[in-house]
Amino acid sequence: MKSDIHPKYQSIVFNDLASGVKFLTRSTATSEKTIEWEDGKTYPVIDVEVSSESHPFYTGKQRIMDSAGRVERFNARFKGFGKK
């Protein structure tokens, strides 16, 4: 591998603005903004609007479409289509 061409892989905090939850993980993302974590060390922090803590798919609060009603309406509308 060539040296000095890869981004720095470091610990970083992601702050979910919607739920207020913070995640400490490792990433190549960088930020000038820093935060002091629970272990007493200072890490760069990136604010995100949506994460797995606030996204409806992961929280189970997603809206379920009425697909059964749509299928029934489609079948009723095209019931005799294609018959001779």
C-alpha atoms as a PDB file:
ATOM      1  CA  MET A   1       0.000   0.000   0.000  1.00  0.00           C
ATOM      2  CA  LYS A   2       1.080   3.531  -0.662  1.00  0.00           C
ATOM      3  CA  SER A   3       1.669   5.634   2.408  1.00  0.00           C
ATOM      4  CA  ASP A   4      -0.091   8.926   3.147  1.00  0.00           C
ATOM      5  CA  ILE A   5      -2.960   8.460   0.645  1.00  0.00           C
ATOM      6  CA  HIS A   6      -5.576   6.927   2.923  1.00  0.00           C
ATOM      7  CA  PRO A   7      -7.827   9.020   5.183  1.00  0.00           C
ATOM      8  CA  LYS A   8      -7.231   8.843   8.921  1.00  0.00           C
ATOM      9  CA  TYR A   9      -9.452   6.243  10.617  1.00  0.00           C
ATOM     10  CA  GLN A  10     -10.304   7.577  14.064  1.00  0.00           C
ATOM     11  CA  SER A  11     -12.839   7.476  16.858  1.00  0.00           C
ATOM     12  CA  ILE A  12     -15.692   9.939  16.370  1.00  0.00           C
ATOM     13  CA  VAL A  13     -19.036  10.735  18.005  1.00  0.00           C
ATOM     14  CA  PHE A  14     -22.231  10.958  15.952  1.00  0.00           C
ATOM     15  CA  ASN A  15     -24.939  13.065  17.600  1.00  0.00           C
ATOM     16  CA  ASP A  16     -28.529  12.302  16.515  1.00  0.00           C
ATOM     17  CA  LEU A  17     -30.324  15.659  16.628  1.00  0.00           C
ATOM     18  CA  ALA A  18     -33.804  14.094  16.467  1.00  0.00           C
ATOM     19  CA  SER A  19     -33.462  11.793  19.481  1.00  0.00           C
ATOM     20  CA  GLY A  20     -30.486  13.293  21.333  1.00  0.00           C
ATOM     21  CA  VAL A  21     -28.595   9.989  21.361  1.00  0.00           C
ATOM     22  CA  LYS A  22     -24.827  10.024  20.823  1.00  0.00           C
ATOM     23  CA  PHE A  23     -22.804   7.142  19.341  1.00  0.00           C
ATOM     24  CA  LEU A  24     -19.066   6.638  19.705  1.00  0.00           C
ATOM     25  CA  THR A  25     -17.724   4.775  16.699  1.00  0.00           C
ATOM     26  CA  ARG A  26     -14.815   4.830  14.277  1.00  0.00           C
ATOM     27  CA  SER A  27     -14.917   6.582  10.932  1.00  0.00           C
ATOM     28  CA  THR A  28     -12.877   8.468   8.364  1.00  0.00           C
ATOM     29  CA  ALA A  29     -15.237  11.455   8.710  1.00  0.00           C
ATOM     30  CA  THR A  30     -13.776  14.558  10.304  1.00  0.00           C
ATOM     31  CA  SER A  31     -15.137  17.566  12.146  1.00  0.00           C
ATOM     32  CA  GLU A  32     -13.786  20.712  13.768  1.00  0.00           C
ATOM     33  CA  LYS A  33     -16.448  20.469  16.507  1.00  0.00           C
ATOM     34  CA  THR A  34     -15.427  18.342  19.517  1.00  0.00           C
ATOM     35  CA  ILE A  35     -17.128  16.825  22.554  1.00  0.00           C
ATOM     36  CA  GLU A  36     -15.876  15.284  25.766  1.00  0.00           C
ATOM     37  CA  TRP A  37     -17.068  11.676  25.978  1.00  0.00           C
ATOM     38  CA  GLU A  38     -17.904   9.623  29.092  1.00  0.00           C
ATOM     39  CA  ASP A  39     -14.357   8.237  29.249  1.00  0.00           C
ATOM     40  CA  GLY A  40     -12.947  11.747  29.690  1.00  0.00           C
ATOM     41  CA  LYS A  41     -11.364  11.914  26.227  1.00  0.00           C
ATOM     42  CA  THR A  42     -12.239  14.540  23.619  1.00  0.00           C
ATOM     43  CA  TYR A  43     -13.525  13.323  20.236  1.00  0.00           C
ATOM     44  CA  PRO A  44     -14.707  15.078  17.073  1.00  0.00           C
ATOM     45  CA  VAL A  45     -18.506  15.157  16.821  1.00  0.00           C
ATOM     46  CA  ILE A  46     -20.745  15.114  13.751  1.00  0.00           C
ATOM     47  CA  ASP A  47     -24.407  16.094  14.056  1.00  0.00           C
ATOM     48  CA  VAL A  48     -26.801  13.927  12.039  1.00  0.00           C
ATOM     49  CA  GLU A  49     -30.519  14.496  11.587  1.00  0.00           C
ATOM     50  CA  VAL A  50     -31.508  10.805  11.447  1.00  0.00           C
ATOM     51  CA  SER A  51     -29.891   7.652  12.813  1.00  0.00           C
ATOM     52  CA  SER A  52     -31.068   4.180  13.788  1.00  0.00           C
ATOM     53  CA  GLU A  53     -32.409   5.675  17.047  1.00  0.00           C
ATOM     54  CA  SER A  54     -34.811   8.047  15.310  1.00  0.00           C
ATOM     55  CA  HIS A  55     -35.523   6.532  11.873  1.00  0.00           C
ATOM     56  CA  PRO A  56     -39.059   5.079  11.642  1.00  0.00           C
ATOM     57  CA  PHE A  57     -37.825   1.847  10.034  1.00  0.00           C
ATOM     58  CA  TYR A  58     -35.683   1.001  13.065  1.00  0.00           C
ATOM     59  CA  THR A  59     -37.987   2.367  15.758  1.00  0.00           C
ATOM     60  CA  GLY A  60     -41.051   0.460  14.491  1.00  0.00           C
ATOM     61  CA  LYS A  61     -43.118   3.629  14.216  1.00  0.00           C
ATOM     62  CA  GLN A  62     -43.328   3.527  10.460  1.00  0.00           C
ATOM     63  CA  ARG A  63     -46.521   4.191   8.571  1.00  0.00           C
ATOM     64  CA  ILE A  64     -47.998   1.074   6.998  1.00  0.00           C
ATOM     65  CA  MET A  65     -49.732   1.630   3.685  1.00  0.00           C
ATOM     66  CA  ASP A  66     -53.144   0.110   3.047  1.00  0.00           C
ATOM     67  CA  SER A  67     -51.885  -2.197   0.306  1.00  0.00           C
ATOM     68  CA  ALA A  68     -54.750  -4.679   0.716  1.00  0.00           C
ATOM     69  CA  GLY A  69     -57.310  -2.005  -0.084  1.00  0.00           C
ATOM     70  CA  ARG A  70     -55.353  -0.870  -3.118  1.00  0.00           C
ATOM     71  CA  VAL A  71     -55.067  -4.390  -4.478  1.00  0.00           C
ATOM     72  CA  GLU A  72     -58.791  -4.965  -4.021  1.00  0.00           C
ATOM     73  CA  ARG A  73     -59.611  -1.703  -5.819  1.00  0.00           C
ATOM     74  CA  PHE A  74     -57.264  -2.641  -8.667  1.00  0.00           C
ATOM     75  CA  ASN A  75     -58.839  -6.105  -9.036  1.00  0.00           C
ATOM     76  CA  ALA A  76     -62.356  -4.649  -8.963  1.00  0.00           C
ATOM     77  CA  ARG A  77     -61.471  -2.033 -11.555  1.00  0.00           C
ATOM     78  CA  PHE A  78     -59.927  -4.510 -14.007  1.00  0.00           C
ATOM     79  CA  LYS A  79     -62.125  -7.517 -13.182  1.00  0.00           C
ATOM     80  CA  GLY A  80     -63.327  -8.098 -16.755  1.00  0.00           C
ATOM     81  CA  PHE A  81     -60.256  -6.831 -18.550  1.00  0.00           C
ATOM     82  CA  GLY A  82     -58.899  -9.212 -21.210  1.00  0.00           C
ATOM     83  CA  LYS A  83     -61.926 -11.523 -21.288  1.00  0.00           C
ATOM     84  CA  LYS A  84     -63.848 -12.078 -24.505  1.00  0.00           C
END
